[in-house]
Amino acid sequence: MDENMVSRKIIGAAIEVHRTIGPGLLESVYQQCLMRELSLRGLEFSSQVAIRAEYKGLAFDVDYRMDLVVADRVVVELKVVEKLLPVHEAQLLSYLRLSGKKLGLLINFNVAVLKDGIKRIVHQL
């Protein structure tokens, strides 16, 4: 399954979560619900995936954590914020660069209609 097919399935799962429980909850609740929905749809994923940053051979003592990596292809970063900001997009793009993944979804559950809270970020796809 390619990145685009995986992303469509993730978006469908996220819409189902949002339709069922609505906005206004904690990010951790949405992550648990989305993981359940992904499982019900037969999608494999890893959560809180650690990645390390380095600069010209200098490794930092900090692990960054990607919320979800689905089908080992798509990075999913979840938010519950008033509005997605450029810094959120930059964070996801950095995760894509550091992990070598090509596609990411930034999903903000704090919206009335979930399609307004989804941003697709591509890196070398």
Protein backbone atom coordinates (compact mmCIF):
# COMPACT_ATOMS: atom_id res chain seq x y z
CA MET A 1 0.00 0.00 0.00
CA ASP A 2 1.50 3.35 -1.00
CA GLU A 3 1.63 6.53 1.08
CA ASN A 4 -1.45 8.06 -0.56
CA MET A 5 -3.63 5.03 0.13
CA VAL A 6 -2.40 4.86 3.72
CA SER A 7 -3.11 8.58 4.23
CA ARG A 8 -6.67 8.18 2.90
CA LYS A 9 -7.29 5.39 5.39
CA ILE A 10 -5.82 7.45 8.25
CA ILE A 11 -8.00 10.43 7.35
CA GLY A 12 -11.08 8.18 7.26
CA ALA A 13 -10.20 6.81 10.69
CA ALA A 14 -9.61 10.31 12.09
CA ILE A 15 -12.94 11.53 10.71
CA GLU A 16 -14.69 8.61 12.40
CA VAL A 17 -13.03 9.46 15.74
CA HIS A 18 -13.96 13.14 15.43
CA ARG A 19 -17.52 12.33 14.35
CA THR A 20 -17.93 10.02 17.34
CA ILE A 21 -16.38 12.04 20.17
CA GLY A 22 -16.18 15.58 18.74
CA PRO A 23 -13.74 18.36 19.66
CA GLY A 24 -12.68 19.53 23.11
CA LEU A 25 -10.78 16.59 24.58
CA LEU A 26 -7.09 16.04 25.31
CA GLU A 27 -4.62 15.06 22.59
CA SER A 28 -3.87 11.80 24.42
CA VAL A 29 -7.56 10.80 24.20
CA TYR A 30 -7.61 11.40 20.44
CA GLN A 31 -4.40 9.43 20.04
CA GLN A 32 -5.84 6.43 21.90
CA CYS A 33 -9.09 6.59 19.91
CA LEU A 34 -7.26 6.95 16.60
CA MET A 35 -5.02 3.99 17.43
CA ARG A 36 -8.13 1.92 18.17
CA GLU A 37 -9.75 2.99 14.90
CA LEU A 38 -6.57 2.21 12.93
CA SER A 39 -6.49 -1.25 14.53
CA LEU A 40 -10.13 -1.86 13.65
CA ARG A 41 -9.27 -0.99 10.05
CA GLY A 42 -6.34 -3.41 9.98
CA LEU A 43 -3.62 -0.75 9.78
CA GLU A 44 -0.33 -1.38 11.54
CA PHE A 45 1.22 1.51 13.43
CA SER A 46 3.75 2.49 16.06
CA SER A 47 3.15 5.23 18.61
CA GLN A 48 5.52 7.67 20.29
CA VAL A 49 8.31 6.68 17.91
CA ALA A 50 11.64 8.13 19.01
CA ILE A 51 13.91 9.80 16.49
CA ARG A 52 17.27 11.43 17.09
CA ALA A 53 18.52 14.64 15.62
CA GLU A 54 22.11 15.22 14.67
CA TYR A 55 24.17 17.93 13.09
CA LYS A 56 27.27 17.01 11.04
CA GLY A 57 27.98 13.96 13.19
CA LEU A 58 27.03 15.60 16.50
CA ALA A 59 24.14 13.63 18.00
CA PHE A 60 21.89 15.47 20.43
CA ASP A 61 20.91 13.92 23.76
CA VAL A 62 17.25 14.58 22.97
CA ASP A 63 14.84 12.12 21.41
CA TYR A 64 11.97 13.63 19.49
CA ARG A 65 8.77 11.61 19.44
CA MET A 66 6.47 11.17 16.49
CA ASP A 67 2.88 10.61 17.66
CA LEU A 68 2.20 7.83 15.14
CA VAL A 69 3.88 6.15 12.21
CA VAL A 70 1.31 4.20 10.19
CA ALA A 71 2.22 1.26 7.93
CA ASP A 72 5.86 2.36 8.32
CA ARG A 73 5.07 5.02 5.68
CA VAL A 74 3.09 7.97 7.06
CA VAL A 75 3.94 10.14 10.07
CA VAL A 76 0.89 11.45 11.93
CA GLU A 77 1.23 14.40 14.29
CA LEU A 78 -1.85 15.11 16.40
CA LYS A 79 -2.82 18.49 17.83
CA VAL A 80 -5.64 19.96 19.87
CA VAL A 81 -5.09 23.68 19.31
CA GLU A 82 -7.16 26.71 18.40
CA LYS A 83 -5.40 26.96 15.04
CA LEU A 84 -2.60 25.12 13.25
CA LEU A 85 0.47 27.33 13.03
CA PRO A 86 3.50 27.30 10.74
CA VAL A 87 5.58 25.94 13.65
CA HIS A 88 3.38 22.81 13.68
CA GLU A 89 4.03 22.26 9.98
CA ALA A 90 7.76 22.84 10.51
CA GLN A 91 7.76 20.26 13.32
CA LEU A 92 6.17 17.63 11.08
CA LEU A 93 8.50 18.45 8.18
CA SER A 94 11.48 18.04 10.52
CA TYR A 95 10.13 14.66 11.64
CA LEU A 96 9.83 13.60 8.00
CA ARG A 97 13.41 14.67 7.27
CA LEU A 98 14.83 12.99 10.38
CA SER A 99 12.89 9.75 9.90
CA GLY A 100 13.32 9.47 6.14
CA LYS A 101 9.54 9.26 5.63
CA LYS A 102 7.95 11.05 2.70
CA LEU A 103 4.41 11.90 3.83
CA GLY A 104 2.95 13.28 7.02
CA LEU A 105 -0.47 14.27 8.27
CA LEU A 106 -0.96 17.07 10.76
CA ILE A 107 -4.38 16.56 12.37
CA ASN A 108 -5.99 19.14 14.66
CA PHE A 109 -9.01 17.67 16.44
CA ASN A 110 -10.06 21.04 17.92
CA VAL A 111 -12.23 22.04 14.94
CA ALA A 112 -15.94 21.84 14.15
CA VAL A 113 -15.34 19.87 10.92
CA LEU A 114 -12.24 17.69 10.85
CA LYS A 115 -11.43 18.30 7.17
CA ASP A 116 -10.63 21.89 8.24
CA GLY A 117 -8.04 20.56 10.69
CA ILE A 118 -6.02 18.30 8.38
CA LYS A 119 -2.81 19.39 6.70
CA ARG A 120 -0.87 17.06 4.40
CA ILE A 121 2.90 17.60 4.37
CA VAL A 122 5.08 16.04 1.67
CA HIS A 123 8.85 15.59 1.76
CA GLN A 124 10.48 14.16 -1.38
CA LEU A 125 7.47 12.09 -2.43
